[in-house]
Amino acid sequence: MSRWSFDLTEAPPPDAAVEIAARHVSAATIGRRGGQAVVTAYAVEPLPEAAVVPSLTSQNVHDRALASAAVAKVLEAVGRPKRVGLVIPDSVAKVSLIRFEQVPPRAQDLAQLIRWQVRKAAPFPIENGQVSFSETGTIAGGREFLVTVARRDIVEEYEALVAAAGAQPGIVDLSTFNVVNAVLVSSASFDHDWLLINVGAPDQASIAILRGAQIIFFRTRGAEADGTLADLVHQTAMYYEDRLEGGGFTRAVICGASGDEVRRSLEQRLGLPVEPLDIRAAAPLTDRISIAPSLLDALAPLIGLLLRGREKAA
């Protein structure tokens, strides 16, 4: 039985991770050499458009045979692991930040309260959903929780692809949550507000604002949204200043769209440099000195999941 989870500190992590994204399937394993985490094996297989179409409310896997073959191929390349962490697209789930003035002392009562709260905004019956939550911190007058809900049958579509390749997903998680973890383990400690832009596909992206290691804002942009990625980032920055009493970002990181043109357009809107995420600071690759930025982007959520709960490697 898999666990729908996004606790950034959860341990123990699996020995291998696989991501099923809109345009590719990837897998990776890590080991330790001289006290340093290193990527010991990895593989990426492209997917044609429309084979996997991430959606909150409708079928996601449209070419199961092709997607299953891609999963089997990448898992074969990393040693055919039997138990893996599974990363799926952000747009499979609805992510919310929920505040409570009073929180029940019993975990079971808190879980019921959160399910009752999110059922009002869920685009499907909550009885058909999988819900996970994590406390982000104490705020004035109460406590805040990051809550994720996804339709159970849609999550099972992704799990079935892994099972068909002979592996069992022990943890199922969203891409951006693990990219966040990859940034945290790749860098010095964060004491201020920073921005993460994670581009999962040409028409899909997520933006997270973090205060230190805590997510205080999260938004996913789907194919149906109007405007450009730069527009979305600008709107987010305005919301941050107006509604979150933001004092300014100290850093902006992008994953999944590291081209100079994209970065320049974002830098113009934000007024600060936008740096591509390089996971080699947390877990170097053993077989190459330099690799394409697209491969680093594909590895980021995998390394973030695999290093979850482990000491900072850099």
C-alpha atoms as a PDB file:
ATOM      1  CA  MET A   1       0.000   0.000   0.000  1.00  0.00           C
ATOM      2  CA  SER A   2       1.518   3.302  -1.035  1.00  0.00           C
ATOM      3  CA  ARG A   3       1.474   6.472   1.046  1.00  0.00           C
ATOM      4  CA  TRP A   4       0.284   9.781  -0.351  1.00  0.00           C
ATOM      5  CA  SER A   5       2.737  12.091   1.369  1.00  0.00           C
ATOM      6  CA  PHE A   6       4.631  15.347   1.078  1.00  0.00           C
ATOM      7  CA  ASP A   7       6.426  15.793   4.385  1.00  0.00           C
ATOM      8  CA  LEU A   8       9.756  17.329   3.368  1.00  0.00           C
ATOM      9  CA  THR A   9      11.542  15.695   6.302  1.00  0.00           C
ATOM     10  CA  GLU A  10       9.999  12.239   6.135  1.00  0.00           C
ATOM     11  CA  ALA A  11      12.380   9.305   6.580  1.00  0.00           C
ATOM     12  CA  PRO A  12      13.539   6.779   5.638  1.00  0.00           C
ATOM     13  CA  PRO A  13      13.638   7.605   1.934  1.00  0.00           C
ATOM     14  CA  PRO A  14      13.471   4.881  -0.718  1.00  0.00           C
ATOM     15  CA  ASP A  15      16.565   3.604  -2.489  1.00  0.00           C
ATOM     16  CA  ALA A  16      15.253   4.679  -5.898  1.00  0.00           C
ATOM     17  CA  ALA A  17      12.847   7.274  -7.239  1.00  0.00           C
ATOM     18  CA  VAL A  18      10.844   7.423 -10.459  1.00  0.00           C
ATOM     19  CA  GLU A  19       8.967  10.381 -11.936  1.00  0.00           C
ATOM     20  CA  ILE A  20       6.140  10.099 -14.446  1.00  0.00           C
ATOM     21  CA  ALA A  21       5.751  13.540 -15.989  1.00  0.00           C
ATOM     22  CA  ALA A  22       3.817  14.881 -18.958  1.00  0.00           C
ATOM     23  CA  ARG A  23       6.753  14.640 -21.363  1.00  0.00           C
ATOM     24  CA  HIS A  24       9.153  12.135 -19.801  1.00  0.00           C
ATOM     25  CA  VAL A  25       9.714   9.295 -17.368  1.00  0.00           C
ATOM     26  CA  SER A  26      12.869   9.330 -15.251  1.00  0.00           C
ATOM     27  CA  ALA A  27      14.476   7.307 -12.486  1.00  0.00           C
ATOM     28  CA  ALA A  28      17.517   7.665 -10.253  1.00  0.00           C
ATOM     29  CA  THR A  29      19.360   6.044  -7.366  1.00  0.00           C
ATOM     30  CA  ILE A  30      21.857   7.530  -4.935  1.00  0.00           C
ATOM     31  CA  GLY A  31      24.636   6.165  -2.760  1.00  0.00           C
ATOM     32  CA  ARG A  32      27.332   7.593  -0.521  1.00  0.00           C
ATOM     33  CA  ARG A  33      31.009   8.006  -1.263  1.00  0.00           C
ATOM     34  CA  GLY A  34      33.281   9.520   1.324  1.00  0.00           C
ATOM     35  CA  GLY A  35      30.299  10.802   3.291  1.00  0.00           C
ATOM     36  CA  GLN A  36      28.868  12.546   0.197  1.00  0.00           C
ATOM     37  CA  ALA A  37      25.600  11.600  -1.481  1.00  0.00           C
ATOM     38  CA  VAL A  38      26.168  10.819  -5.159  1.00  0.00           C
ATOM     39  CA  VAL A  39      23.867   9.878  -8.019  1.00  0.00           C
ATOM     40  CA  THR A  40      24.832   6.290  -8.805  1.00  0.00           C
ATOM     41  CA  ALA A  41      22.418   5.642 -11.686  1.00  0.00           C
ATOM     42  CA  TYR A  42      19.810   7.533 -13.660  1.00  0.00           C
ATOM     43  CA  ALA A  43      17.762   7.289 -16.841  1.00  0.00           C
ATOM     44  CA  VAL A  44      15.316   9.502 -18.713  1.00  0.00           C
ATOM     45  CA  GLU A  45      12.870   8.371 -21.407  1.00  0.00           C
ATOM     46  CA  PRO A  46      10.843  10.927 -23.400  1.00  0.00           C
ATOM     47  CA  LEU A  47       7.093  10.541 -23.755  1.00  0.00           C
ATOM     48  CA  PRO A  48       5.164  11.727 -26.809  1.00  0.00           C
ATOM     49  CA  GLU A  49       2.582  14.429 -26.317  1.00  0.00           C
ATOM     50  CA  ALA A  50      -0.774  13.135 -25.030  1.00  0.00           C
ATOM     51  CA  ALA A  51       0.563   9.808 -23.729  1.00  0.00           C
ATOM     52  CA  VAL A  52       0.247  11.225 -20.193  1.00  0.00           C
ATOM     53  CA  VAL A  53      -1.933  14.302 -19.700  1.00  0.00           C
ATOM     54  CA  PRO A  54      -1.906  15.481 -16.058  1.00  0.00           C
ATOM     55  CA  SER A  55      -5.350  16.452 -14.817  1.00  0.00           C
ATOM     56  CA  LEU A  56      -7.112  16.903 -11.507  1.00  0.00           C
ATOM     57  CA  THR A  57     -10.458  15.520 -12.654  1.00  0.00           C
ATOM     58  CA  SER A  58     -10.047  13.238 -15.671  1.00  0.00           C
ATOM     59  CA  GLN A  59      -8.018  10.294 -16.942  1.00  0.00           C
ATOM     60  CA  ASN A  60      -4.272  10.991 -16.976  1.00  0.00           C
ATOM     61  CA  VAL A  61      -2.679   7.969 -18.679  1.00  0.00           C
ATOM     62  CA  HIS A  62      -3.908   7.796 -22.272  1.00  0.00           C
ATOM     63  CA  ASP A  63      -1.322   5.383 -23.699  1.00  0.00           C
ATOM     64  CA  ARG A  64      -0.710   2.857 -20.962  1.00  0.00           C
ATOM     65  CA  ALA A  65       1.394   0.499 -23.062  1.00  0.00           C
ATOM     66  CA  LEU A  66       3.805   3.227 -24.091  1.00  0.00           C
ATOM     67  CA  ALA A  67       4.022   4.770 -20.605  1.00  0.00           C
ATOM     68  CA  SER A  68       4.486   1.339 -18.981  1.00  0.00           C
ATOM     69  CA  ALA A  69       7.311   0.539 -21.394  1.00  0.00           C
ATOM     70  CA  ALA A  70       9.049   3.825 -20.532  1.00  0.00           C
ATOM     71  CA  VAL A  71       8.766   3.147 -16.793  1.00  0.00           C
ATOM     72  CA  ALA A  72      10.114  -0.377 -17.232  1.00  0.00           C
ATOM     73  CA  LYS A  73      13.037   0.911 -19.280  1.00  0.00           C
ATOM     74  CA  VAL A  74      14.199   3.531 -16.768  1.00  0.00           C
ATOM     75  CA  LEU A  75      13.816   1.149 -13.831  1.00  0.00           C
ATOM     76  CA  GLU A  76      15.836  -1.455 -15.700  1.00  0.00           C
ATOM     77  CA  ALA A  77      18.564   1.132 -16.214  1.00  0.00           C
ATOM     78  CA  VAL A  78      18.826   1.885 -12.477  1.00  0.00           C
ATOM     79  CA  GLY A  79      18.987  -1.741 -11.345  1.00  0.00           C
ATOM     80  CA  ARG A  80      15.346  -2.867 -11.251  1.00  0.00           C
ATOM     81  CA  PRO A  81      14.528  -1.641  -7.708  1.00  0.00           C
ATOM     82  CA  LYS A  82      11.557  -3.276  -6.025  1.00  0.00           C
ATOM     83  CA  ARG A  83      10.461  -0.375  -3.824  1.00  0.00           C
ATOM     84  CA  VAL A  84      10.569   3.185  -5.101  1.00  0.00           C
ATOM     85  CA  GLY A  85       9.351   6.680  -4.394  1.00  0.00           C
ATOM     86  CA  LEU A  86       6.975   7.912  -7.088  1.00  0.00           C
ATOM     87  CA  VAL A  87       6.835  11.546  -8.221  1.00  0.00           C
ATOM     88  CA  ILE A  88       3.765  12.684 -10.154  1.00  0.00           C
ATOM     89  CA  PRO A  89       2.759  16.037 -11.718  1.00  0.00           C
ATOM     90  CA  ASP A  90       1.525  18.875  -9.507  1.00  0.00           C
ATOM     91  CA  SER A  91      -1.655  19.302 -11.540  1.00  0.00           C
ATOM     92  CA  VAL A  92      -2.855  15.865 -10.422  1.00  0.00           C
ATOM     93  CA  ALA A  93      -3.655  17.414  -7.027  1.00  0.00           C
ATOM     94  CA  LYS A  94      -5.209  20.488  -5.459  1.00  0.00           C
ATOM     95  CA  VAL A  95      -2.900  22.163  -2.946  1.00  0.00           C
ATOM     96  CA  SER A  96      -4.266  24.530  -0.306  1.00  0.00           C
ATOM     97  CA  LEU A  97      -3.003  26.427   2.709  1.00  0.00           C
ATOM     98  CA  ILE A  98      -5.557  26.230   5.521  1.00  0.00           C
ATOM     99  CA  ARG A  99      -5.514  28.120   8.814  1.00  0.00           C
ATOM    100  CA  PHE A 100      -7.236  27.115  12.042  1.00  0.00           C
ATOM    101  CA  GLU A 101      -7.567  29.255  15.129  1.00  0.00           C
ATOM    102  CA  GLN A 102      -7.903  26.112  17.243  1.00  0.00           C
ATOM    103  CA  VAL A 103      -6.545  22.665  16.412  1.00  0.00           C
ATOM    104  CA  PRO A 104      -7.898  19.433  17.926  1.00  0.00           C
ATOM    105  CA  PRO A 105      -5.343  17.680  20.146  1.00  0.00           C
ATOM    106  CA  ARG A 106      -6.011  14.250  18.601  1.00  0.00           C
ATOM    107  CA  ALA A 107      -4.461  13.526  15.187  1.00  0.00           C
ATOM    108  CA  GLN A 108      -7.581  11.660  14.057  1.00  0.00           C
ATOM    109  CA  ASP A 109      -9.812  14.629  14.861  1.00  0.00           C
ATOM    110  CA  LEU A 110      -7.445  16.998  13.044  1.00  0.00           C
ATOM    111  CA  ALA A 111      -7.512  14.790   9.948  1.00  0.00           C
ATOM    112  CA  GLN A 112     -11.316  14.802   9.969  1.00  0.00           C
ATOM    113  CA  LEU A 113     -11.396  18.580  10.389  1.00  0.00           C
ATOM    114  CA  ILE A 114      -9.069  19.074   7.436  1.00  0.00           C
ATOM    115  CA  ARG A 115     -11.076  16.706   5.223  1.00  0.00           C
ATOM    116  CA  TRP A 116     -14.237  18.609   6.134  1.00  0.00           C
ATOM    117  CA  GLN A 117     -12.560  21.911   5.266  1.00  0.00           C
ATOM    118  CA  VAL A 118     -11.163  20.843   1.875  1.00  0.00           C
ATOM    119  CA  ARG A 119     -14.318  19.051   0.751  1.00  0.00           C
ATOM    120  CA  LYS A 120     -15.918  22.451   0.067  1.00  0.00           C
ATOM    121  CA  ALA A 121     -13.317  23.332  -2.568  1.00  0.00           C
ATOM    122  CA  ALA A 122     -12.528  19.884  -3.980  1.00  0.00           C
ATOM    123  CA  PRO A 123     -13.841  19.418  -7.556  1.00  0.00           C
ATOM    124  CA  PHE A 124     -14.877  15.845  -6.747  1.00  0.00           C
ATOM    125  CA  PRO A 125     -16.447  14.049  -3.749  1.00  0.00           C
ATOM    126  CA  ILE A 126     -13.899  14.014  -0.949  1.00  0.00           C
ATOM    127  CA  GLU A 127     -14.789  10.357  -0.345  1.00  0.00           C
ATOM    128  CA  ASN A 128     -13.061   9.624  -3.677  1.00  0.00           C
ATOM    129  CA  GLY A 129      -9.933  11.533  -2.734  1.00  0.00           C
ATOM    130  CA  GLN A 130      -6.645  10.958  -0.966  1.00  0.00           C
ATOM    131  CA  VAL A 131      -5.764  13.731   1.473  1.00  0.00           C
ATOM    132  CA  SER A 132      -2.403  14.535   3.019  1.00  0.00           C
ATOM    133  CA  PHE A 133      -1.366  17.488   5.158  1.00  0.00           C
ATOM    134  CA  SER A 134       1.646  18.959   6.901  1.00  0.00           C
ATOM    135  CA  GLU A 135       1.838  21.829   9.371  1.00  0.00           C
ATOM    136  CA  THR A 136       3.723  24.795   7.956  1.00  0.00           C
ATOM    137  CA  GLY A 137       3.993  26.721  11.196  1.00  0.00           C
ATOM    138  CA  THR A 138       2.321  28.805  13.873  1.00  0.00           C
ATOM    139  CA  ILE A 139       0.763  32.070  12.786  1.00  0.00           C
ATOM    140  CA  ALA A 140      -0.938  34.899  14.629  1.00  0.00           C
ATOM    141  CA  GLY A 141      -4.120  33.498  16.066  1.00  0.00           C
ATOM    142  CA  GLY A 142      -3.637  29.890  15.036  1.00  0.00           C
ATOM    143  CA  ARG A 143      -1.782  27.315  12.972  1.00  0.00           C
ATOM    144  CA  GLU A 144      -1.455  26.754   9.228  1.00  0.00           C
ATOM    145  CA  PHE A 145      -1.417  23.512   7.250  1.00  0.00           C
ATOM    146  CA  LEU A 146      -0.420  22.676   3.701  1.00  0.00           C
ATOM    147  CA  VAL A 147      -3.070  20.290   2.393  1.00  0.00           C
ATOM    148  CA  THR A 148      -3.021  18.190  -0.771  1.00  0.00           C
ATOM    149  CA  VAL A 149      -5.985  16.280  -2.177  1.00  0.00           C
ATOM    150  CA  ALA A 150      -6.082  14.113  -5.289  1.00  0.00           C
ATOM    151  CA  ARG A 151      -8.586  11.717  -6.769  1.00  0.00           C
ATOM    152  CA  ARG A 152      -7.690   8.206  -5.648  1.00  0.00           C
ATOM    153  CA  ASP A 153      -8.305   6.557  -9.015  1.00  0.00           C
ATOM    154  CA  ILE A 154      -6.019   9.061 -10.775  1.00  0.00           C
ATOM    155  CA  VAL A 155      -3.162   8.418  -8.348  1.00  0.00           C
ATOM    156  CA  GLU A 156      -3.713   4.702  -8.941  1.00  0.00           C
ATOM    157  CA  GLU A 157      -3.175   5.221 -12.690  1.00  0.00           C
ATOM    158  CA  TYR A 158       0.413   6.262 -11.981  1.00  0.00           C
ATOM    159  CA  GLU A 159       0.928   3.540  -9.374  1.00  0.00           C
ATOM    160  CA  ALA A 160      -0.235   0.926 -11.865  1.00  0.00           C
ATOM    161  CA  LEU A 161       2.493   1.929 -14.335  1.00  0.00           C
ATOM    162  CA  VAL A 162       5.140   1.332 -11.672  1.00  0.00           C
ATOM    163  CA  ALA A 163       3.557  -1.939 -10.554  1.00  0.00           C
ATOM    164  CA  ALA A 164       3.500  -3.189 -14.151  1.00  0.00           C
ATOM    165  CA  ALA A 165       7.291  -2.731 -14.202  1.00  0.00           C
ATOM    166  CA  GLY A 166       7.671  -4.915 -11.104  1.00  0.00           C
ATOM    167  CA  ALA A 167       8.154  -2.178  -8.507  1.00  0.00           C
ATOM    168  CA  GLN A 168       6.081  -0.952  -5.578  1.00  0.00           C
ATOM    169  CA  PRO A 169       5.670   2.790  -4.886  1.00  0.00           C
ATOM    170  CA  GLY A 170       6.145   3.282  -1.162  1.00  0.00           C
ATOM    171  CA  ILE A 171       5.648   7.059  -1.308  1.00  0.00           C
ATOM    172  CA  VAL A 172       3.646   9.016  -3.883  1.00  0.00           C
ATOM    173  CA  ASP A 173       4.439  12.718  -3.994  1.00  0.00           C
ATOM    174  CA  LEU A 174       4.196  15.864  -6.100  1.00  0.00           C
ATOM    175  CA  SER A 175       7.007  17.202  -8.258  1.00  0.00           C
ATOM    176  CA  THR A 176       7.374  20.689  -6.792  1.00  0.00           C
ATOM    177  CA  PHE A 177       7.477  19.540  -3.171  1.00  0.00           C
ATOM    178  CA  ASN A 178      10.525  17.459  -4.025  1.00  0.00           C
ATOM    179  CA  VAL A 179      12.127  20.216  -6.083  1.00  0.00           C
ATOM    180  CA  VAL A 180      11.764  22.383  -2.956  1.00  0.00           C
ATOM    181  CA  ASN A 181      13.644  19.750  -1.010  1.00  0.00           C
ATOM    182  CA  ALA A 182      16.329  19.588  -3.711  1.00  0.00           C
ATOM    183  CA  VAL A 183      16.879  23.337  -3.358  1.00  0.00           C
ATOM    184  CA  LEU A 184      17.043  23.122   0.430  1.00  0.00           C
ATOM    185  CA  VAL A 185      19.631  20.336   0.467  1.00  0.00           C
ATOM    186  CA  SER A 186      21.651  21.972  -2.331  1.00  0.00           C
ATOM    187  CA  SER A 187      22.073  25.327  -0.619  1.00  0.00           C
ATOM    188  CA  ALA A 188      23.013  27.082   2.561  1.00  0.00           C
ATOM    189  CA  SER A 189      20.275  27.521   5.120  1.00  0.00           C
ATOM    190  CA  PHE A 190      17.391  29.790   4.177  1.00  0.00           C
ATOM    191  CA  ASP A 191      16.346  32.431   6.679  1.00  0.00           C
ATOM    192  CA  HIS A 192      14.308  34.706   4.416  1.00  0.00           C
ATOM    193  CA  ASP A 193      11.631  34.593   1.719  1.00  0.00           C
ATOM    194  CA  TRP A 194      12.432  32.999  -1.623  1.00  0.00           C
ATOM    195  CA  LEU A 195      10.628  31.944  -4.780  1.00  0.00           C
ATOM    196  CA  LEU A 196      10.633  28.649  -6.675  1.00  0.00           C
ATOM    197  CA  ILE A 197       9.338  28.271 -10.248  1.00  0.00           C
ATOM    198  CA  ASN A 198       8.939  24.664 -11.380  1.00  0.00           C
ATOM    199  CA  VAL A 199       7.994  24.158 -15.038  1.00  0.00           C
ATOM    200  CA  GLY A 200       6.638  20.635 -15.443  1.00  0.00           C
ATOM    201  CA  ALA A 201       5.715  20.978 -19.135  1.00  0.00           C
ATOM    202  CA  PRO A 202       5.556  23.799 -21.712  1.00  0.00           C
ATOM    203  CA  ASP A 203       1.996  24.643 -20.650  1.00  0.00           C
ATOM    204  CA  GLN A 204       2.176  23.756 -16.948  1.00  0.00           C
ATOM    205  CA  ALA A 205       4.079  25.324 -14.078  1.00  0.00           C
ATOM    206  CA  SER A 206       3.947  25.698 -10.306  1.00  0.00           C
ATOM    207  CA  ILE A 207       5.133  28.548  -8.135  1.00  0.00           C
ATOM    208  CA  ALA A 208       5.962  28.259  -4.451  1.00  0.00           C
ATOM    209  CA  ILE A 209       6.929  31.001  -2.033  1.00  0.00           C
ATOM    210  CA  LEU A 210       8.860  29.837   0.986  1.00  0.00           C
ATOM    211  CA  ARG A 211       9.737  31.508   4.236  1.00  0.00           C
ATOM    212  CA  GLY A 212      12.861  29.629   5.137  1.00  0.00           C
ATOM    213  CA  ALA A 213      11.852  25.985   4.648  1.00  0.00           C
ATOM    214  CA  GLN A 214       8.106  26.606   5.006  1.00  0.00           C
ATOM    215  CA  ILE A 215       5.777  26.987   2.044  1.00  0.00           C
ATOM    216  CA  ILE A 216       3.572  30.051   2.491  1.00  0.00           C
ATOM    217  CA  PHE A 217       2.125  30.189  -1.037  1.00  0.00           C
ATOM    218  CA  PHE A 218       1.554  27.575  -3.732  1.00  0.00           C
ATOM    219  CA  ARG A 219      -0.081  27.813  -7.138  1.00  0.00           C
ATOM    220  CA  THR A 220      -0.192  25.549 -10.179  1.00  0.00           C
ATOM    221  CA  ARG A 221      -0.872  26.911 -13.668  1.00  0.00           C
ATOM    222  CA  GLY A 222      -2.485  24.499 -16.123  1.00  0.00           C
ATOM    223  CA  ALA A 223      -2.796  24.461 -19.893  1.00  0.00           C
ATOM    224  CA  GLU A 224      -6.105  26.305 -19.724  1.00  0.00           C
ATOM    225  CA  ALA A 225      -4.654  29.367 -17.964  1.00  0.00           C
ATOM    226  CA  ASP A 226      -4.291  32.690 -19.726  1.00  0.00           C
ATOM    227  CA  GLY A 227      -1.068  34.675 -19.868  1.00  0.00           C
ATOM    228  CA  THR A 228       2.588  33.753 -19.881  1.00  0.00           C
ATOM    229  CA  LEU A 229       4.780  32.291 -17.183  1.00  0.00           C
ATOM    230  CA  ALA A 230       6.221  35.762 -16.611  1.00  0.00           C
ATOM    231  CA  ASP A 231       2.672  37.078 -16.066  1.00  0.00           C
ATOM    232  CA  LEU A 232       2.025  34.380 -13.479  1.00  0.00           C
ATOM    233  CA  VAL A 233       5.260  35.151 -11.663  1.00  0.00           C
ATOM    234  CA  HIS A 234       4.457  38.882 -11.653  1.00  0.00           C
ATOM    235  CA  GLN A 235       0.951  38.232 -10.259  1.00  0.00           C
ATOM    236  CA  THR A 236       2.446  36.028  -7.571  1.00  0.00           C
ATOM    237  CA  ALA A 237       4.973  38.696  -6.603  1.00  0.00           C
ATOM    238  CA  MET A 238       2.175  41.276  -6.304  1.00  0.00           C
ATOM    239  CA  TYR A 239       0.115  38.927  -4.140  1.00  0.00           C
ATOM    240  CA  TYR A 240       3.164  38.297  -1.979  1.00  0.00           C
ATOM    241  CA  GLU A 241       3.656  42.016  -1.359  1.00  0.00           C
ATOM    242  CA  ASP A 242      -0.019  42.864  -0.857  1.00  0.00           C
ATOM    243  CA  ARG A 243      -1.408  39.850   1.002  1.00  0.00           C
ATOM    244  CA  LEU A 244       1.548  38.107   2.602  1.00  0.00           C
ATOM    245  CA  GLU A 245       3.289  41.267   3.826  1.00  0.00           C
ATOM    246  CA  GLY A 246       6.379  40.228   1.930  1.00  0.00           C
ATOM    247  CA  GLY A 247       9.558  42.163   2.463  1.00  0.00           C
ATOM    248  CA  GLY A 248      11.149  41.006  -0.791  1.00  0.00           C
ATOM    249  CA  PHE A 249      12.617  37.813  -2.163  1.00  0.00           C
ATOM    250  CA  THR A 250      16.252  37.096  -1.399  1.00  0.00           C
ATOM    251  CA  ARG A 251      16.434  34.437  -4.088  1.00  0.00           C
ATOM    252  CA  ALA A 252      14.517  33.065  -7.086  1.00  0.00           C
ATOM    253  CA  VAL A 253      15.153  29.545  -8.409  1.00  0.00           C
ATOM    254  CA  ILE A 254      13.798  27.917 -11.570  1.00  0.00           C
ATOM    255  CA  CYS A 255      13.610  24.266 -12.543  1.00  0.00           C
ATOM    256  CA  GLY A 256      12.396  22.863 -15.854  1.00  0.00           C
ATOM    257  CA  ALA A 257      12.924  25.937 -18.050  1.00  0.00           C
ATOM    258  CA  SER A 258      16.523  27.023 -17.701  1.00  0.00           C
ATOM    259  CA  GLY A 259      16.849  28.822 -21.034  1.00  0.00           C
ATOM    260  CA  ASP A 260      18.316  32.322 -21.027  1.00  0.00           C
ATOM    261  CA  GLU A 261      15.258  33.875 -22.695  1.00  0.00           C
ATOM    262  CA  VAL A 262      12.871  32.522 -20.058  1.00  0.00           C
ATOM    263  CA  ARG A 263      15.137  33.595 -17.224  1.00  0.00           C
ATOM    264  CA  ARG A 264      15.562  37.111 -18.621  1.00  0.00           C
ATOM    265  CA  SER A 265      11.808  37.631 -18.889  1.00  0.00           C
ATOM    266  CA  LEU A 266      11.346  36.505 -15.300  1.00  0.00           C
ATOM    267  CA  GLU A 267      14.225  38.612 -14.038  1.00  0.00           C
ATOM    268  CA  GLN A 268      12.672  41.697 -15.614  1.00  0.00           C
ATOM    269  CA  ARG A 269       9.432  41.059 -13.731  1.00  0.00           C
ATOM    270  CA  LEU A 270      11.071  40.194 -10.409  1.00  0.00           C
ATOM    271  CA  GLY A 271      13.989  42.596 -10.414  1.00  0.00           C
ATOM    272  CA  LEU A 272      16.455  39.979  -9.199  1.00  0.00           C
ATOM    273  CA  PRO A 273      18.470  37.136 -10.751  1.00  0.00           C
ATOM    274  CA  VAL A 274      16.669  33.861 -11.461  1.00  0.00           C
ATOM    275  CA  GLU A 275      19.055  30.950 -11.053  1.00  0.00           C
ATOM    276  CA  PRO A 276      18.645  27.454 -12.508  1.00  0.00           C
ATOM    277  CA  LEU A 277      18.657  24.657  -9.955  1.00  0.00           C
ATOM    278  CA  ASP A 278      21.780  22.498 -10.066  1.00  0.00           C
ATOM    279  CA  ILE A 279      21.342  19.384  -7.939  1.00  0.00           C
ATOM    280  CA  ARG A 280      25.043  18.499  -8.199  1.00  0.00           C
ATOM    281  CA  ALA A 281      25.688  20.608  -5.096  1.00  0.00           C
ATOM    282  CA  ALA A 282      23.640  18.064  -3.142  1.00  0.00           C
ATOM    283  CA  ALA A 283      24.425  14.870  -5.065  1.00  0.00           C
ATOM    284  CA  PRO A 284      27.090  14.938  -7.790  1.00  0.00           C
ATOM    285  CA  LEU A 285      26.863  12.610 -10.754  1.00  0.00           C
ATOM    286  CA  THR A 286      29.649  10.059 -10.837  1.00  0.00           C
ATOM    287  CA  ASP A 287      29.925   9.575 -14.590  1.00  0.00           C
ATOM    288  CA  ARG A 288      30.005  13.058 -16.116  1.00  0.00           C
ATOM    289  CA  ILE A 289      31.750  16.363 -15.549  1.00  0.00           C
ATOM    290  CA  SER A 290      29.146  18.423 -17.375  1.00  0.00           C
ATOM    291  CA  ILE A 291      25.608  17.530 -18.395  1.00  0.00           C
ATOM    292  CA  ALA A 292      22.733  19.269 -20.147  1.00  0.00           C
ATOM    293  CA  PRO A 293      20.539  21.576 -18.040  1.00  0.00           C
ATOM    294  CA  SER A 294      17.487  19.562 -19.138  1.00  0.00           C
ATOM    295  CA  LEU A 295      18.917  16.454 -17.465  1.00  0.00           C
ATOM    296  CA  LEU A 296      19.617  18.364 -14.250  1.00  0.00           C
ATOM    297  CA  ASP A 297      16.000  19.553 -14.303  1.00  0.00           C
ATOM    298  CA  ALA A 298      14.723  15.992 -14.805  1.00  0.00           C
ATOM    299  CA  LEU A 299      16.818  14.728 -11.897  1.00  0.00           C
ATOM    300  CA  ALA A 300      15.852  17.500  -9.442  1.00  0.00           C
ATOM    301  CA  PRO A 301      12.572  16.063  -8.058  1.00  0.00           C
ATOM    302  CA  LEU A 302      14.118  12.591  -7.887  1.00  0.00           C
ATOM    303  CA  ILE A 303      17.123  13.774  -5.883  1.00  0.00           C
ATOM    304  CA  GLY A 304      14.867  15.881  -3.688  1.00  0.00           C
ATOM    305  CA  LEU A 305      12.835  12.799  -2.801  1.00  0.00           C
ATOM    306  CA  LEU A 306      15.864  10.554  -2.315  1.00  0.00           C
ATOM    307  CA  LEU A 307      17.572  13.044   0.001  1.00  0.00           C
ATOM    308  CA  ARG A 308      14.455  13.648   2.042  1.00  0.00           C
ATOM    309  CA  GLY A 309      15.199  13.222   5.699  1.00  0.00           C
ATOM    310  CA  ARG A 310      18.925  12.765   5.141  1.00  0.00           C
ATOM    311  CA  GLU A 311      21.578  15.159   6.361  1.00  0.00           C
ATOM    312  CA  LYS A 312      22.609  17.921   4.002  1.00  0.00           C
ATOM    313  CA  ALA A 313      25.083  16.404   1.576  1.00  0.00           C
ATOM    314  CA  ALA A 314      26.966  19.495   0.474  1.00  0.00           C
END
